[in-house]
Amino acid sequence: MVQKKIQTFELWCYRRFLKVPWTEKKNSKEIVQMADVWERLLQQLMKRQLRYAGHIMRGSWGPLLQLSLEGKIEGKRGQGRPRRNWMDNVKE
């Protein structure tokens, strides 16, 4: 869901930069070719997220940050579907 929103935003930005009106029926591949992009925004975000996850998992920030990322918190969990956390996105 979040990935689709990022891709949509990226294409919207390319259309704005290139001044392509929404009335012109151009698909996303044509827009990306016109923008001459070598790396998509979502790929770059995922690469940076994995790099940061490796940095944190090595423990260079100490045990407190690692404990908060792993989500081991005492107490009861609320009702409903569990919320997605940062590690779920990294694993995906």
N, C-alpha and C. Protein backbone atom coordinates (compact mmCIF):
# COMPACT_ATOMS: atom_id res chain seq x y z
N MET A 1 0.83 -1.19 0.00
CA MET A 1 0.00 0.00 0.00
C MET A 1 0.87 1.26 0.00
N VAL A 2 1.85 1.29 0.87
CA VAL A 2 2.72 2.46 0.94
C VAL A 2 3.57 2.55 -0.32
N GLN A 3 3.98 1.41 -0.86
CA GLN A 3 4.80 1.42 -2.07
C GLN A 3 4.04 2.03 -3.24
N LYS A 4 2.77 1.71 -3.35
CA LYS A 4 1.94 2.25 -4.43
C LYS A 4 1.83 3.78 -4.30
N LYS A 5 1.70 4.26 -3.07
CA LYS A 5 1.60 5.71 -2.85
C LYS A 5 2.91 6.41 -3.22
N ILE A 6 4.03 5.78 -2.91
CA ILE A 6 5.33 6.37 -3.24
C ILE A 6 5.51 6.42 -4.75
N GLN A 7 5.15 5.34 -5.44
CA GLN A 7 5.26 5.32 -6.89
C GLN A 7 4.36 6.36 -7.54
N THR A 8 3.15 6.50 -7.00
CA THR A 8 2.21 7.49 -7.53
C THR A 8 2.76 8.90 -7.35
N PHE A 9 3.30 9.18 -6.17
CA PHE A 9 3.88 10.49 -5.90
C PHE A 9 5.06 10.77 -6.82
N GLU A 10 5.89 9.76 -7.03
CA GLU A 10 7.06 9.92 -7.89
C GLU A 10 6.63 10.28 -9.31
N LEU A 11 5.66 9.57 -9.86
CA LEU A 11 5.19 9.87 -11.21
C LEU A 11 4.51 11.23 -11.28
N TRP A 12 3.81 11.61 -10.23
CA TRP A 12 3.19 12.93 -10.19
C TRP A 12 4.27 14.02 -10.26
N CYS A 13 5.37 13.81 -9.50
CA CYS A 13 6.47 14.78 -9.52
C CYS A 13 7.11 14.87 -10.90
N TYR A 14 7.32 13.72 -11.55
CA TYR A 14 7.90 13.73 -12.90
C TYR A 14 7.00 14.49 -13.87
N ARG A 15 5.70 14.27 -13.76
CA ARG A 15 4.78 14.98 -14.64
C ARG A 15 4.86 16.49 -14.41
N ARG A 16 4.99 16.88 -13.15
CA ARG A 16 5.10 18.32 -12.84
C ARG A 16 6.40 18.90 -13.37
N PHE A 17 7.51 18.17 -13.19
CA PHE A 17 8.81 18.66 -13.67
C PHE A 17 8.82 18.81 -15.19
N LEU A 18 8.21 17.85 -15.86
CA LEU A 18 8.22 17.84 -17.32
C LEU A 18 7.09 18.66 -17.93
N LYS A 19 6.21 19.18 -17.09
CA LYS A 19 5.06 19.98 -17.51
C LYS A 19 4.16 19.20 -18.49
N VAL A 20 3.90 17.94 -18.12
CA VAL A 20 3.01 17.10 -18.92
C VAL A 20 1.62 17.21 -18.29
N PRO A 21 0.63 17.72 -19.00
CA PRO A 21 -0.70 17.85 -18.41
C PRO A 21 -1.37 16.49 -18.23
N TRP A 22 -2.31 16.43 -17.33
CA TRP A 22 -2.98 15.16 -17.06
C TRP A 22 -3.87 14.74 -18.22
N THR A 23 -4.21 15.68 -19.09
CA THR A 23 -5.05 15.35 -20.24
C THR A 23 -4.29 14.57 -21.31
N GLU A 24 -2.95 14.67 -21.30
CA GLU A 24 -2.16 13.86 -22.23
C GLU A 24 -2.11 12.45 -21.69
N LYS A 25 -2.54 11.51 -22.49
CA LYS A 25 -2.60 10.12 -22.06
C LYS A 25 -1.25 9.46 -22.28
N LYS A 26 -0.37 9.62 -21.31
CA LYS A 26 0.94 8.98 -21.36
C LYS A 26 1.04 8.03 -20.17
N ASN A 27 1.54 6.82 -20.43
CA ASN A 27 1.66 5.87 -19.34
C ASN A 27 2.94 6.13 -18.55
N SER A 28 3.10 5.39 -17.47
CA SER A 28 4.21 5.65 -16.55
C SER A 28 5.56 5.36 -17.19
N LYS A 29 5.63 4.36 -18.06
CA LYS A 29 6.91 4.06 -18.72
C LYS A 29 7.37 5.21 -19.59
N GLU A 30 6.45 5.82 -20.31
CA GLU A 30 6.79 6.96 -21.15
C GLU A 30 7.27 8.14 -20.32
N ILE A 31 6.61 8.37 -19.19
CA ILE A 31 6.99 9.48 -18.32
C ILE A 31 8.39 9.26 -17.76
N VAL A 32 8.69 8.03 -17.33
CA VAL A 32 10.02 7.73 -16.77
C VAL A 32 11.09 7.86 -17.85
N GLN A 33 10.79 7.44 -19.08
CA GLN A 33 11.75 7.60 -20.17
C GLN A 33 11.99 9.08 -20.48
N MET A 34 10.93 9.87 -20.43
CA MET A 34 11.09 11.30 -20.68
C MET A 34 11.92 11.95 -19.59
N ALA A 35 11.77 11.48 -18.36
CA ALA A 35 12.52 12.06 -17.25
C ALA A 35 13.97 11.58 -17.23
N ASP A 36 14.26 10.51 -17.97
CA ASP A 36 15.61 9.94 -18.05
C ASP A 36 16.14 9.59 -16.65
N VAL A 37 15.37 8.77 -15.96
CA VAL A 37 15.69 8.38 -14.58
C VAL A 37 16.43 7.04 -14.60
N TRP A 38 17.55 6.96 -13.90
CA TRP A 38 18.30 5.70 -13.87
C TRP A 38 17.97 4.87 -12.64
N GLU A 39 17.46 5.48 -11.59
CA GLU A 39 17.07 4.72 -10.40
C GLU A 39 15.78 5.30 -9.85
N ARG A 40 14.81 4.44 -9.63
CA ARG A 40 13.51 4.88 -9.15
C ARG A 40 13.59 5.22 -7.67
N LEU A 41 12.67 6.05 -7.23
CA LEU A 41 12.65 6.53 -5.86
C LEU A 41 12.45 5.39 -4.87
N LEU A 42 11.54 4.47 -5.17
CA LEU A 42 11.25 3.36 -4.27
C LEU A 42 12.47 2.46 -4.09
N GLN A 43 13.20 2.20 -5.15
CA GLN A 43 14.41 1.38 -5.05
C GLN A 43 15.45 2.05 -4.17
N GLN A 44 15.59 3.34 -4.34
CA GLN A 44 16.57 4.08 -3.55
C GLN A 44 16.17 4.09 -2.07
N LEU A 45 14.88 4.27 -1.79
CA LEU A 45 14.42 4.25 -0.41
C LEU A 45 14.64 2.89 0.25
N MET A 46 14.36 1.82 -0.49
CA MET A 46 14.55 0.48 0.08
C MET A 46 16.03 0.20 0.35
N LYS A 47 16.90 0.65 -0.55
CA LYS A 47 18.32 0.45 -0.35
C LYS A 47 18.82 1.20 0.89
N ARG A 48 18.35 2.43 1.05
CA ARG A 48 18.76 3.22 2.22
C ARG A 48 18.21 2.62 3.52
N GLN A 49 16.99 2.11 3.45
CA GLN A 49 16.38 1.52 4.63
C GLN A 49 17.15 0.27 5.07
N LEU A 50 17.56 -0.57 4.11
CA LEU A 50 18.33 -1.76 4.45
C LEU A 50 19.70 -1.40 5.01
N ARG A 51 20.31 -0.36 4.45
CA ARG A 51 21.61 0.07 4.95
C ARG A 51 21.51 0.56 6.40
N TYR A 52 20.44 1.32 6.67
CA TYR A 52 20.23 1.83 8.03
C TYR A 52 19.91 0.68 8.99
N ALA A 53 19.14 -0.31 8.53
CA ALA A 53 18.81 -1.46 9.38
C ALA A 53 20.08 -2.22 9.76
N GLY A 54 20.99 -2.39 8.81
CA GLY A 54 22.25 -3.05 9.13
C GLY A 54 23.06 -2.27 10.15
N HIS A 55 23.03 -0.97 10.03
CA HIS A 55 23.74 -0.10 10.97
C HIS A 55 23.18 -0.26 12.38
N ILE A 56 21.85 -0.31 12.49
CA ILE A 56 21.22 -0.44 13.80
C ILE A 56 21.42 -1.83 14.38
N MET A 57 21.30 -2.86 13.54
CA MET A 57 21.41 -4.23 14.02
C MET A 57 22.82 -4.57 14.50
N ARG A 58 23.81 -3.84 14.01
CA ARG A 58 25.16 -4.07 14.52
C ARG A 58 25.30 -3.59 15.96
N GLY A 59 24.36 -2.77 16.40
CA GLY A 59 24.36 -2.34 17.78
C GLY A 59 25.21 -1.12 18.04
N SER A 60 25.48 -0.33 17.03
CA SER A 60 26.35 0.82 17.23
C SER A 60 25.65 1.96 17.98
N TRP A 61 24.32 1.89 18.13
CA TRP A 61 23.60 2.93 18.86
C TRP A 61 23.26 2.49 20.27
N GLY A 62 23.61 1.29 20.63
CA GLY A 62 23.34 0.82 21.98
C GLY A 62 22.10 -0.04 22.06
N PRO A 63 21.93 -0.66 23.22
CA PRO A 63 20.82 -1.62 23.37
C PRO A 63 19.44 -0.99 23.43
N LEU A 64 19.34 0.26 23.84
CA LEU A 64 18.02 0.88 23.99
C LEU A 64 17.32 1.05 22.64
N LEU A 65 18.04 1.53 21.65
CA LEU A 65 17.45 1.70 20.32
C LEU A 65 17.11 0.35 19.70
N GLN A 66 17.99 -0.62 19.89
CA GLN A 66 17.73 -1.95 19.35
C GLN A 66 16.50 -2.57 20.00
N LEU A 67 16.33 -2.36 21.30
CA LEU A 67 15.16 -2.87 22.01
C LEU A 67 13.88 -2.21 21.49
N SER A 68 13.94 -0.91 21.23
CA SER A 68 12.76 -0.23 20.73
C SER A 68 12.41 -0.66 19.31
N LEU A 69 13.41 -0.97 18.49
CA LEU A 69 13.14 -1.44 17.14
C LEU A 69 12.56 -2.84 17.11
N GLU A 70 13.00 -3.69 18.00
CA GLU A 70 12.48 -5.05 18.05
C GLU A 70 11.08 -5.09 18.64
N GLY A 71 10.70 -4.05 19.36
CA GLY A 71 9.33 -3.94 19.84
C GLY A 71 9.00 -4.79 21.05
N LYS A 72 9.97 -5.12 21.86
CA LYS A 72 9.72 -5.93 23.05
C LYS A 72 9.35 -5.01 24.21
N ILE A 73 8.05 -4.72 24.31
CA ILE A 73 7.57 -3.81 25.33
C ILE A 73 6.61 -4.58 26.23
N GLU A 74 6.73 -4.35 27.51
CA GLU A 74 5.87 -5.04 28.46
C GLU A 74 4.46 -4.47 28.41
N GLY A 75 3.51 -5.28 28.79
CA GLY A 75 2.13 -4.83 28.86
C GLY A 75 1.24 -5.53 27.85
N LYS A 76 -0.03 -5.14 27.86
CA LYS A 76 -1.00 -5.76 26.97
C LYS A 76 -1.01 -5.06 25.62
N ARG A 77 -1.36 -5.84 24.62
CA ARG A 77 -1.51 -5.30 23.28
C ARG A 77 -2.96 -4.91 23.09
N GLY A 78 -3.20 -3.85 22.36
CA GLY A 78 -4.55 -3.39 22.09
C GLY A 78 -5.30 -4.32 21.15
N GLN A 79 -6.61 -4.13 21.06
CA GLN A 79 -7.43 -4.94 20.18
C GLN A 79 -7.18 -4.59 18.73
N GLY A 80 -7.51 -5.53 17.86
CA GLY A 80 -7.42 -5.27 16.43
C GLY A 80 -6.16 -5.82 15.81
N ARG A 81 -6.01 -5.54 14.55
CA ARG A 81 -4.84 -6.02 13.81
C ARG A 81 -3.59 -5.31 14.30
N PRO A 82 -2.50 -6.03 14.45
CA PRO A 82 -1.26 -5.38 14.89
C PRO A 82 -0.79 -4.37 13.86
N ARG A 83 -0.27 -3.28 14.33
CA ARG A 83 0.23 -2.25 13.43
C ARG A 83 1.53 -2.71 12.80
N ARG A 84 1.77 -2.21 11.59
CA ARG A 84 3.04 -2.53 10.93
C ARG A 84 4.12 -1.68 11.58
N ASN A 85 5.23 -2.32 11.85
CA ASN A 85 6.33 -1.57 12.41
C ASN A 85 7.47 -1.49 11.39
N TRP A 86 8.50 -0.82 11.75
CA TRP A 86 9.60 -0.56 10.84
C TRP A 86 10.28 -1.84 10.39
N MET A 87 10.44 -2.80 11.30
CA MET A 87 11.10 -4.05 10.96
C MET A 87 10.29 -4.86 9.96
N ASP A 88 8.96 -4.78 10.02
CA ASP A 88 8.13 -5.48 9.04
C ASP A 88 8.43 -4.98 7.63
N ASN A 89 8.60 -3.67 7.49
CA ASN A 89 8.93 -3.09 6.19
C ASN A 89 10.31 -3.54 5.71
N VAL A 90 11.26 -3.64 6.62
CA VAL A 90 12.61 -4.06 6.26
C VAL A 90 12.60 -5.51 5.81
N LYS A 91 11.86 -6.37 6.55
CA LYS A 91 11.79 -7.78 6.18
C LYS A 91 11.12 -7.97 4.84
N GLU A 92 10.12 -7.17 4.56
CA GLU A 92 9.39 -7.28 3.28
C GLU A 92 10.31 -6.88 2.14
